[in-house]
C-alpha atoms as a PDB file:
ATOM      1  CA  MET A   1       0.000   0.000   0.000  1.00  0.00           C
ATOM      2  CA  LEU A   2       1.421   3.369  -1.027  1.00  0.00           C
ATOM      3  CA  ASP A   3       0.532   5.835   1.699  1.00  0.00           C
ATOM      4  CA  HIS A   4       2.342   8.983   0.682  1.00  0.00           C
ATOM      5  CA  MET A   5       4.489  10.151  -2.221  1.00  0.00           C
ATOM      6  CA  VAL A   6       6.014  13.620  -2.505  1.00  0.00           C
ATOM      7  CA  MET A   7       7.897  14.665  -5.636  1.00  0.00           C
ATOM      8  CA  THR A   8       9.564  17.993  -6.271  1.00  0.00           C
ATOM      9  CA  ASP A   9      11.947  18.938  -9.081  1.00  0.00           C
ATOM     10  CA  LYS A  10      14.944  17.443  -7.214  1.00  0.00           C
ATOM     11  CA  THR A  11      13.551  15.310  -4.406  1.00  0.00           C
ATOM     12  CA  LEU A  12      11.449  12.148  -4.284  1.00  0.00           C
ATOM     13  CA  LEU A  13      10.173  10.833  -0.966  1.00  0.00           C
ATOM     14  CA  VAL A  14       8.136   7.627  -0.901  1.00  0.00           C
ATOM     15  CA  VAL A  15       6.713   6.232   2.318  1.00  0.00           C
ATOM     16  CA  GLU A  16       5.170   2.759   2.171  1.00  0.00           C
ATOM     17  CA  THR A  17       3.513   0.942   5.059  1.00  0.00           C
ATOM     18  CA  GLU A  18       1.480  -2.231   5.403  1.00  0.00           C
ATOM     19  CA  ILE A  19      -1.307  -1.705   7.922  1.00  0.00           C
ATOM     20  CA  ALA A  20      -1.985  -5.395   8.759  1.00  0.00           C
ATOM     21  CA  GLY A  21       1.702  -6.349   8.921  1.00  0.00           C
ATOM     22  CA  THR A  22       4.963  -4.894  10.111  1.00  0.00           C
ATOM     23  CA  LEU A  23       6.394  -3.676   6.785  1.00  0.00           C
ATOM     24  CA  ALA A  24       7.606  -0.079   6.813  1.00  0.00           C
ATOM     25  CA  ASP A  25       9.705   1.102   3.876  1.00  0.00           C
ATOM     26  CA  VAL A  26      10.974   4.643   3.414  1.00  0.00           C
ATOM     27  CA  VAL A  27      12.799   5.559   0.228  1.00  0.00           C
ATOM     28  CA  ASP A  28      14.361   9.018   0.215  1.00  0.00           C
ATOM     29  CA  THR A  29      16.103   9.971  -3.008  1.00  0.00           C
ATOM     30  CA  VAL A  30      17.901  13.289  -2.713  1.00  0.00           C
ATOM     31  CA  PHE A  31      18.572  13.806  -6.418  1.00  0.00           C
ATOM     32  CA  CYS A  32      15.635  12.252  -8.237  1.00  0.00           C
ATOM     33  CA  SER A  33      16.627  13.730 -11.598  1.00  0.00           C
ATOM     34  CA  THR A  34      19.884  11.734 -11.683  1.00  0.00           C
ATOM     35  CA  ASP A  35      18.689   8.662  -9.783  1.00  0.00           C
ATOM     36  CA  VAL A  36      15.461   8.039 -11.685  1.00  0.00           C
ATOM     37  CA  GLY A  37      17.429   6.722 -14.678  1.00  0.00           C
ATOM     38  CA  ARG A  38      18.728   3.871 -12.516  1.00  0.00           C
ATOM     39  CA  SER A  39      15.298   3.153 -11.012  1.00  0.00           C
ATOM     40  CA  LYS A  40      12.701   0.758 -12.353  1.00  0.00           C
ATOM     41  CA  LYS A  41       9.090   1.848 -12.262  1.00  0.00           C
ATOM     42  CA  VAL A  42       6.752  -0.851 -10.967  1.00  0.00           C
ATOM     43  CA  GLY A  43       3.110   0.188 -10.980  1.00  0.00           C
ATOM     44  CA  GLN A  44       3.196   3.566  -9.283  1.00  0.00           C
ATOM     45  CA  LYS A  45       6.386   2.881  -7.273  1.00  0.00           C
ATOM     46  CA  PHE A  46      10.096   3.239  -7.986  1.00  0.00           C
ATOM     47  CA  VAL A  47      12.286   0.272  -7.112  1.00  0.00           C
ATOM     48  CA  HIS A  48      15.977   0.989  -6.649  1.00  0.00           C
ATOM     49  CA  PRO A  49      18.383  -1.849  -7.522  1.00  0.00           C
END
């Protein structure tokens, strides 16, 4: 479940939590413009290798 996603011209912050479980994943990419080329888009999420 994607709870919150904030994207500015240079910053991408994705916070993902699973309410029924214990999964909490925070991905904070400081320079989205350079890092997005190395990311794979899955659905509406970015997965970093």
